[in-house]
């Protein structure tokens, strides 16, 4: 049962519905052990309801822009952008990850087989996140007002397990790739034992299994009914679970582990790698200049430089695009546990989700920038078939 509330703008004032257990636009009540969501719509001074459609939201923004608080304007702008941003991102991300998987699986990009294994696994995990999160979660919540049809599909807790398992894999595959490059660059004695296809396969399989086992608790935390919102929780949650310290601690640990600890490990490994590269670069440069003053080229250092650039771009991209989402997820859980030392507006969550989704398709761009052979294979897959089709149409 849904009760529609109205946020009324009268004499330039805004009714604030943000309580401890309420989101900015949603009042949550408990009814028969389940959460009842009361959708909020924006109403003009005459009582006319503004819909959530793209045109209606544009009209609402233009009509009430000068009377809205800044945070309300920012959030509405982000919601308008999501109507365009999410479909375009899905259209780009799915073929980009598929093409990346195909190219890297051929192992013709000049990368080691070990590195190729990690990059292919990362692309597969990103593709699954795009499917389970962006296509099956974000886009329906943005485009379909009310989402009442979802009530008849009792698979939300299963959806949650698959979504969070894929997300964990995407995060921790990045961590293991960073650790592999750290060992390859900084630990020459362990390089031959660890940096090989067999170890990569075992590590990736173990991480996949652990991610699935770790996220089974979502099946029991959530119910099988979808929740009329695109928050960190997107399934119905009973009141007992929502305010339970035990379940709260479990969920809080989930957000700390992924991606909180992953952030720390990636930063630490990158700092150690940069330090090692800086030290060895100076010593090799001095030795190389003493032995051969006429030539300053060092193939070994050039290879290390290319490998480190790839590493830093991937890990830096991950940290940059995930940081906002991680911060809001931890804040959201702490708020329901009774800790609200700071207030984060709802648009912070919207922005964090948009950046997090973007991280699932940027690795392809990184490979294009850093690897000429990848660009060559990408051109063979995309450019030449396209030009052939155009020529056939013309002639």
Protein backbone atom coordinates (compact mmCIF):
# COMPACT_ATOMS: atom_id res chain seq x y z
CA UNK A 1 0.00 0.00 0.00
CA UNK A 2 1.47 3.35 -1.02
CA UNK A 3 0.55 6.75 0.36
CA UNK A 4 1.57 9.68 -1.83
CA UNK A 5 2.72 12.70 0.13
CA UNK A 6 3.37 16.15 -1.27
CA UNK A 7 6.27 18.48 -0.81
CA UNK A 8 4.53 21.83 -0.93
CA UNK A 9 6.29 24.98 -1.84
CA UNK A 10 4.25 27.88 -0.29
CA UNK A 11 5.63 31.40 0.23
CA UNK A 12 9.15 30.22 -0.61
CA UNK A 13 9.33 27.68 2.23
CA UNK A 14 10.08 23.96 1.99
CA UNK A 15 8.68 21.25 4.20
CA UNK A 16 11.63 19.18 5.46
CA UNK A 17 10.78 15.51 5.83
CA UNK A 18 14.25 14.40 6.79
CA UNK A 19 13.86 12.56 10.14
CA UNK A 20 16.22 10.00 11.64
CA UNK A 21 14.46 7.09 10.00
CA UNK A 22 13.29 9.01 6.97
CA UNK A 23 15.09 9.80 3.79
CA UNK A 24 14.73 13.26 2.33
CA UNK A 25 11.78 12.39 0.12
CA UNK A 26 10.47 9.22 1.73
CA UNK A 27 8.62 8.61 4.97
CA UNK A 28 8.91 5.03 6.13
CA UNK A 29 6.33 3.35 8.31
CA UNK A 30 6.04 -0.21 9.48
CA UNK A 31 2.90 -2.20 8.70
CA UNK A 32 2.54 -5.89 9.58
CA UNK A 33 6.29 -6.28 9.93
CA UNK A 34 7.13 -4.77 6.53
CA UNK A 35 8.18 -1.29 5.44
CA UNK A 36 5.50 0.89 3.89
CA UNK A 37 6.95 3.47 1.55
CA UNK A 38 5.19 6.76 1.10
CA UNK A 39 6.28 8.27 -2.20
CA UNK A 40 6.84 11.95 -2.31
CA UNK A 41 5.86 14.04 -5.29
CA UNK A 42 6.38 17.71 -5.89
CA UNK A 43 3.25 19.81 -5.93
CA UNK A 44 2.95 23.35 -7.18
CA UNK A 45 1.01 26.07 -5.39
CA UNK A 46 -2.31 25.05 -6.96
CA UNK A 47 -1.97 21.45 -5.84
CA UNK A 48 -1.10 20.02 -9.25
CA UNK A 49 1.06 16.91 -9.01
CA UNK A 50 4.26 16.88 -11.01
CA UNK A 51 5.04 13.45 -12.41
CA UNK A 52 8.47 11.85 -12.41
CA UNK A 53 8.75 11.81 -16.21
CA UNK A 54 11.63 13.54 -17.92
CA UNK A 55 9.56 16.40 -19.39
CA UNK A 56 7.61 16.87 -16.17
CA UNK A 57 10.82 17.09 -14.13
CA UNK A 58 12.24 19.68 -16.55
CA UNK A 59 9.06 21.70 -16.24
CA UNK A 60 9.15 21.40 -12.46
CA UNK A 61 12.76 22.59 -12.33
CA UNK A 62 12.16 25.57 -14.60
CA UNK A 63 8.93 26.58 -12.82
CA UNK A 64 10.24 26.37 -9.26
CA UNK A 65 13.99 26.87 -9.67
CA UNK A 66 14.12 30.27 -7.98
CA UNK A 67 12.03 29.03 -5.02
CA UNK A 68 13.80 25.71 -4.42
CA UNK A 69 16.63 25.22 -1.93
CA UNK A 70 20.02 24.61 -3.51
CA UNK A 71 20.18 20.95 -2.46
CA UNK A 72 16.73 20.33 -3.93
CA UNK A 73 17.82 21.85 -7.25
CA UNK A 74 21.00 19.79 -7.32
CA UNK A 75 19.13 16.57 -6.66
CA UNK A 76 16.48 17.29 -9.29
CA UNK A 77 19.19 18.13 -11.86
CA UNK A 78 20.91 14.80 -11.13
CA UNK A 79 17.59 12.95 -11.49
CA UNK A 80 17.03 14.63 -14.85
CA UNK A 81 20.53 13.70 -15.98
CA UNK A 82 19.92 10.08 -14.97
CA UNK A 83 17.18 9.79 -17.61
CA UNK A 84 19.89 10.33 -20.26
CA UNK A 85 23.00 9.14 -18.44
CA UNK A 86 21.94 5.61 -17.43
CA UNK A 87 20.67 4.42 -20.84
CA UNK A 88 23.70 5.84 -22.65
CA UNK A 89 26.01 4.27 -20.09
CA UNK A 90 24.33 0.89 -20.55
CA UNK A 91 24.55 1.16 -24.34
CA UNK A 92 28.27 1.96 -24.11
CA UNK A 93 29.30 -0.25 -21.18
CA UNK A 94 27.88 -3.59 -22.37
CA UNK A 95 29.60 -3.70 -25.79
CA UNK A 96 32.75 -2.08 -24.36
CA UNK A 97 33.18 -4.82 -21.77
CA UNK A 98 32.26 -7.56 -24.26
CA UNK A 99 34.83 -6.27 -26.76
CA UNK A 100 37.42 -5.99 -23.97
CA UNK A 101 36.79 -9.61 -22.96
CA UNK A 102 37.15 -10.79 -26.57
CA UNK A 103 40.36 -8.84 -27.24
CA UNK A 104 42.10 -9.70 -23.99
CA UNK A 105 41.09 -13.37 -24.26
CA UNK A 106 43.05 -13.60 -27.50
CA UNK A 107 46.23 -12.69 -25.57
CA UNK A 108 47.66 -10.68 -28.46
CA UNK A 109 48.02 -7.30 -26.73
CA UNK A 110 51.57 -7.76 -25.52
CA UNK A 111 50.45 -8.44 -21.96
CA UNK A 112 51.51 -11.45 -19.94
CA UNK A 113 49.00 -14.30 -19.66
CA UNK A 114 48.74 -13.63 -15.94
CA UNK A 115 47.81 -9.98 -16.44
CA UNK A 116 45.36 -10.92 -19.19
CA UNK A 117 43.60 -13.32 -16.81
CA UNK A 118 43.08 -10.56 -14.24
CA UNK A 119 41.91 -8.00 -16.78
CA UNK A 120 39.46 -10.44 -18.38
CA UNK A 121 38.06 -11.32 -14.93
CA UNK A 122 37.67 -7.62 -14.12
CA UNK A 123 35.83 -7.01 -17.40
CA UNK A 124 33.46 -9.96 -16.76
CA UNK A 125 32.73 -8.70 -13.23
CA UNK A 126 32.08 -5.17 -14.53
CA UNK A 127 29.72 -6.57 -17.17
CA UNK A 128 27.75 -8.45 -14.51
CA UNK A 129 27.52 -5.28 -12.39
CA UNK A 130 26.19 -3.39 -15.40
CA UNK A 131 23.53 -6.08 -15.96
CA UNK A 132 22.44 -6.67 -12.35
CA UNK A 133 22.78 -3.10 -11.07
CA UNK A 134 22.47 -0.61 -13.93
CA UNK A 135 20.09 -2.43 -16.29
CA UNK A 136 17.96 -4.44 -13.84
CA UNK A 137 17.95 -1.95 -10.95
CA UNK A 138 18.82 1.67 -11.75
CA UNK A 139 17.12 2.10 -15.12
CA UNK A 140 13.75 0.60 -14.03
CA UNK A 141 13.70 2.80 -10.91
CA UNK A 142 14.42 5.91 -12.96
CA UNK A 143 11.95 5.30 -15.79
CA UNK A 144 9.05 3.41 -14.22
CA UNK A 145 6.98 5.47 -11.80
CA UNK A 146 5.53 3.48 -8.92
CA UNK A 147 7.18 0.19 -9.96
CA UNK A 148 4.06 -1.65 -8.79
CA UNK A 149 4.67 -4.45 -11.28
CA UNK A 150 7.81 -5.39 -9.36
CA UNK A 151 5.69 -6.40 -6.37
CA UNK A 152 4.63 -9.53 -8.22
CA UNK A 153 8.23 -10.65 -8.85
CA UNK A 154 9.44 -12.13 -5.53
CA UNK A 155 13.14 -12.36 -6.36
CA UNK A 156 14.59 -9.20 -4.82
CA UNK A 157 16.72 -10.98 -2.21
CA UNK A 158 18.13 -13.29 -4.91
CA UNK A 159 18.78 -10.24 -7.07
CA UNK A 160 20.57 -8.62 -4.12
CA UNK A 161 22.86 -11.63 -3.62
CA UNK A 162 23.85 -11.69 -7.31
CA UNK A 163 24.31 -7.91 -7.47
CA UNK A 164 26.48 -7.61 -4.37
CA UNK A 165 28.49 -10.73 -5.25
CA UNK A 166 29.27 -9.26 -8.69
CA UNK A 167 30.17 -5.94 -7.08
CA UNK A 168 32.51 -7.66 -4.61
CA UNK A 169 34.18 -9.52 -7.44
CA UNK A 170 34.67 -6.30 -9.39
CA UNK A 171 36.26 -4.62 -6.37
CA UNK A 172 38.47 -7.46 -5.18
CA UNK A 173 39.64 -8.45 -8.65
CA UNK A 174 41.05 -4.92 -8.81
CA UNK A 175 42.80 -5.50 -5.48
CA UNK A 176 44.32 -8.81 -6.59
CA UNK A 177 45.49 -7.27 -9.86
CA UNK A 178 47.15 -4.49 -7.89
CA UNK A 179 48.82 -7.06 -5.61
CA UNK A 180 49.99 -9.10 -8.62
CA UNK A 181 51.64 -6.04 -10.15
CA UNK A 182 53.17 -5.16 -6.79
CA UNK A 183 54.77 -8.61 -6.58
CA UNK A 184 55.92 -8.46 -10.21
CA UNK A 185 57.59 -5.08 -9.77
CA UNK A 186 58.77 -5.10 -6.15
CA UNK A 187 59.35 -8.78 -5.30
CA UNK A 188 61.54 -10.42 -7.98
CA UNK A 189 62.09 -13.51 -5.82
CA UNK A 190 58.35 -14.25 -5.72
CA UNK A 191 57.60 -13.18 -9.27
CA UNK A 192 57.99 -16.56 -10.95
CA UNK A 193 56.08 -18.39 -8.19
CA UNK A 194 53.15 -16.02 -7.85
CA UNK A 195 52.78 -14.16 -11.16
CA UNK A 196 51.61 -17.05 -13.32
CA UNK A 197 48.38 -18.26 -14.89
CA UNK A 198 47.83 -21.07 -12.37
CA UNK A 199 48.04 -18.76 -9.37
CA UNK A 200 45.84 -16.17 -11.06
CA UNK A 201 43.19 -18.80 -11.81
CA UNK A 202 43.21 -20.10 -8.23
CA UNK A 203 43.07 -16.61 -6.70
CA UNK A 204 40.24 -15.48 -8.96
CA UNK A 205 38.24 -18.67 -8.30
CA UNK A 206 38.70 -18.30 -4.53
CA UNK A 207 37.61 -14.66 -4.61
CA UNK A 208 34.52 -15.53 -6.65
CA UNK A 209 33.52 -18.26 -4.22
CA UNK A 210 34.16 -16.09 -1.16
CA UNK A 211 32.17 -13.22 -2.66
CA UNK A 212 29.17 -15.50 -3.24
CA UNK A 213 29.36 -16.96 0.27
CA UNK A 214 29.86 -13.56 1.90
CA UNK A 215 26.77 -12.07 0.25
CA UNK A 216 24.35 -14.89 1.04
CA UNK A 217 23.36 -12.95 4.18
CA UNK A 218 21.52 -10.46 1.94
CA UNK A 219 19.06 -13.27 1.14
CA UNK A 220 18.07 -13.39 4.81
CA UNK A 221 18.44 -9.66 5.53
CA UNK A 222 16.07 -8.62 2.74
CA UNK A 223 12.64 -9.93 1.84
CA UNK A 224 11.76 -11.07 -1.68
CA UNK A 225 9.69 -7.93 -2.39
CA UNK A 226 11.18 -4.96 -4.22
CA UNK A 227 11.40 -1.58 -2.51
CA UNK A 228 10.04 1.52 -4.23
CA UNK A 229 13.32 3.38 -4.23
CA UNK A 230 16.86 3.31 -5.59
CA UNK A 231 18.65 3.56 -2.26
CA UNK A 232 21.44 1.32 -0.97
CA UNK A 233 18.55 -0.92 0.14
CA UNK A 234 16.28 -1.81 -2.75
CA UNK A 235 14.25 -4.63 -1.16
CA UNK A 236 11.64 -4.59 1.58
CA UNK A 237 13.27 -4.71 5.01
CA UNK A 238 11.36 -5.56 8.17
CA UNK A 239 11.55 -3.17 11.08
CA UNK A 240 13.20 -5.78 13.31
CA UNK A 241 16.03 -6.21 10.81
CA UNK A 242 16.37 -2.52 9.98
CA UNK A 243 16.96 -1.45 13.57
CA UNK A 244 18.71 -4.62 14.75
CA UNK A 245 22.24 -3.93 16.06
CA UNK A 246 23.35 -7.40 14.94
CA UNK A 247 22.21 -7.02 11.35
CA UNK A 248 23.39 -3.42 11.37
CA UNK A 249 26.87 -4.53 12.41
CA UNK A 250 26.90 -7.20 9.68
CA UNK A 251 25.87 -4.69 7.02
CA UNK A 252 28.28 -2.09 8.33
CA UNK A 253 31.13 -4.63 8.11
CA UNK A 254 30.06 -5.34 4.52
CA UNK A 255 30.49 -1.69 3.54
CA UNK A 256 33.78 -1.45 5.43
CA UNK A 257 35.16 -4.54 3.71
CA UNK A 258 33.88 -3.60 0.24
CA UNK A 259 35.22 -1.20 -0.73
CA UNK A 260 36.67 0.32 2.48
CA UNK A 261 39.49 -2.17 3.15
CA UNK A 262 39.97 -2.55 -0.61
CA UNK A 263 40.71 1.21 -0.78
CA UNK A 264 43.33 0.91 1.94
CA UNK A 265 45.03 -2.10 0.35
CA UNK A 266 45.14 -0.49 -3.10
CA UNK A 267 46.55 2.77 -1.72
CA UNK A 268 49.16 0.92 0.36
CA UNK A 269 50.26 -1.31 -2.52
CA UNK A 270 50.48 1.65 -4.89
CA UNK A 271 52.56 3.67 -2.43
CA UNK A 272 54.98 0.77 -1.99
CA UNK A 273 55.14 0.23 -5.75
CA UNK A 274 55.84 3.90 -6.46
CA UNK A 275 58.53 3.96 -3.80
CA UNK A 276 60.22 0.87 -5.24
CA UNK A 277 60.05 2.20 -8.81
CA UNK A 278 61.55 5.54 -7.76
CA UNK A 279 64.46 3.88 -5.93
CA UNK A 280 65.26 1.36 -8.65
CA UNK A 281 64.90 3.97 -11.41
CA UNK A 282 67.59 6.16 -9.88
CA UNK A 283 70.00 3.28 -9.34
CA UNK A 284 69.46 1.79 -12.82
CA UNK A 285 69.79 5.21 -14.43
CA UNK A 286 73.16 5.79 -12.75
CA UNK A 287 74.37 2.29 -13.67
CA UNK A 288 73.15 2.62 -17.23
CA UNK A 289 74.84 5.99 -17.69
CA UNK A 290 78.13 4.61 -16.38
CA UNK A 291 78.07 1.63 -18.73
CA UNK A 292 76.72 3.35 -21.82
CA UNK A 293 76.77 7.11 -21.84
CA UNK A 294 75.73 7.41 -25.48
CA UNK A 295 72.36 5.76 -25.01
CA UNK A 296 69.90 6.53 -22.26
CA UNK A 297 67.27 3.94 -23.24
CA UNK A 298 66.49 1.18 -20.78
CA UNK A 299 64.03 -1.49 -22.06
CA UNK A 300 63.50 -2.89 -18.56
CA UNK A 301 62.54 0.47 -17.11
CA UNK A 302 60.33 1.21 -20.10
CA UNK A 303 58.45 -2.05 -19.50
CA UNK A 304 58.09 -1.25 -15.80
CA UNK A 305 56.89 2.23 -16.64
CA UNK A 306 54.15 0.94 -18.95
CA UNK A 307 53.08 -1.66 -16.39
CA UNK A 308 52.96 0.91 -13.58
CA UNK A 309 50.97 3.39 -15.70
CA UNK A 310 48.34 0.71 -16.36
CA UNK A 311 48.27 -0.20 -12.67
CA UNK A 312 47.94 3.38 -11.41
CA UNK A 313 45.25 4.32 -13.92
CA UNK A 314 43.08 1.31 -13.05
CA UNK A 315 43.46 1.60 -9.28
CA UNK A 316 43.23 5.40 -9.27
CA UNK A 317 40.11 5.28 -11.42
CA UNK A 318 38.56 2.77 -9.00
CA UNK A 319 39.29 4.86 -5.90
CA UNK A 320 38.11 8.11 -7.48
CA UNK A 321 34.80 6.77 -8.77
CA UNK A 322 33.93 4.60 -5.75
CA UNK A 323 34.77 6.97 -2.91
CA UNK A 324 31.50 8.96 -2.87
CA UNK A 325 29.33 5.83 -2.97
CA UNK A 326 31.29 4.18 -0.16
CA UNK A 327 31.04 7.27 2.04
CA UNK A 328 27.26 7.53 1.65
CA UNK A 329 26.66 3.78 2.17
CA UNK A 330 28.48 3.87 5.51
CA UNK A 331 26.62 7.04 6.50
CA UNK A 332 23.27 5.45 5.60
CA UNK A 333 23.86 2.40 7.79
CA UNK A 334 25.21 4.46 10.73
CA UNK A 335 22.14 6.71 10.58
CA UNK A 336 19.86 3.73 11.15
CA UNK A 337 22.06 2.59 14.04
CA UNK A 338 21.53 5.98 15.72
CA UNK A 339 24.80 7.73 14.76
CA UNK A 340 24.22 10.89 12.76
CA UNK A 341 27.09 13.23 13.50
CA UNK A 342 26.96 14.69 9.99
CA UNK A 343 24.20 15.11 7.44
CA UNK A 344 24.71 14.09 3.81
CA UNK A 345 22.03 15.27 1.35
CA UNK A 346 20.31 12.72 -0.84
CA UNK A 347 22.01 14.03 -3.97
CA UNK A 348 25.35 12.76 -2.61
CA UNK A 349 24.00 9.24 -2.97
CA UNK A 350 22.71 9.95 -6.48
CA UNK A 351 26.10 11.32 -7.52
CA UNK A 352 27.93 8.39 -5.92
CA UNK A 353 25.79 5.86 -7.79
CA UNK A 354 26.39 7.61 -11.10
CA UNK A 355 30.16 7.61 -10.56
CA UNK A 356 30.18 3.99 -9.39
CA UNK A 357 28.32 2.89 -12.53
CA UNK A 358 30.80 4.85 -14.65
CA UNK A 359 33.70 2.87 -13.15
CA UNK A 360 32.37 -0.29 -14.81
CA UNK A 361 33.17 0.90 -18.32
CA UNK A 362 36.24 3.13 -17.96
CA UNK A 363 38.82 0.31 -17.94
CA UNK A 364 38.30 -0.15 -21.68
CA UNK A 365 39.23 3.50 -22.21
CA UNK A 366 42.32 2.98 -20.04
CA UNK A 367 43.44 0.04 -22.20
CA UNK A 368 42.91 2.13 -25.34
CA UNK A 369 45.06 4.92 -23.91
CA UNK A 370 47.92 2.76 -22.60
CA UNK A 371 48.22 -0.11 -25.12
CA UNK A 372 48.72 0.42 -28.87
CA UNK A 373 48.08 -3.27 -29.62
CA UNK A 374 44.73 -3.09 -27.84
CA UNK A 375 43.81 -0.09 -29.98
CA UNK A 376 44.81 -2.02 -33.08
CA UNK A 377 42.62 -5.02 -32.20
CA UNK A 378 39.76 -2.71 -31.24
CA UNK A 379 40.02 -1.04 -34.62
CA UNK A 380 39.90 -4.43 -36.35
CA UNK A 381 36.78 -5.43 -34.44
CA UNK A 382 34.87 -2.14 -34.62
CA UNK A 383 36.24 0.08 -37.37
CA UNK A 384 36.78 -2.21 -40.35
CA UNK A 385 33.44 -4.07 -40.15
CA UNK A 386 31.68 -0.71 -39.83
CA UNK A 387 33.44 0.75 -42.88
CA UNK A 388 32.72 -2.42 -44.85
CA UNK A 389 29.02 -2.14 -44.09
CA UNK A 390 29.02 1.53 -45.07
CA UNK A 391 30.76 0.76 -48.37
CA UNK A 392 28.25 -2.00 -49.13
CA UNK A 393 25.37 0.40 -48.46
CA UNK A 394 26.90 3.11 -50.64
CA UNK A 395 27.61 0.80 -53.56
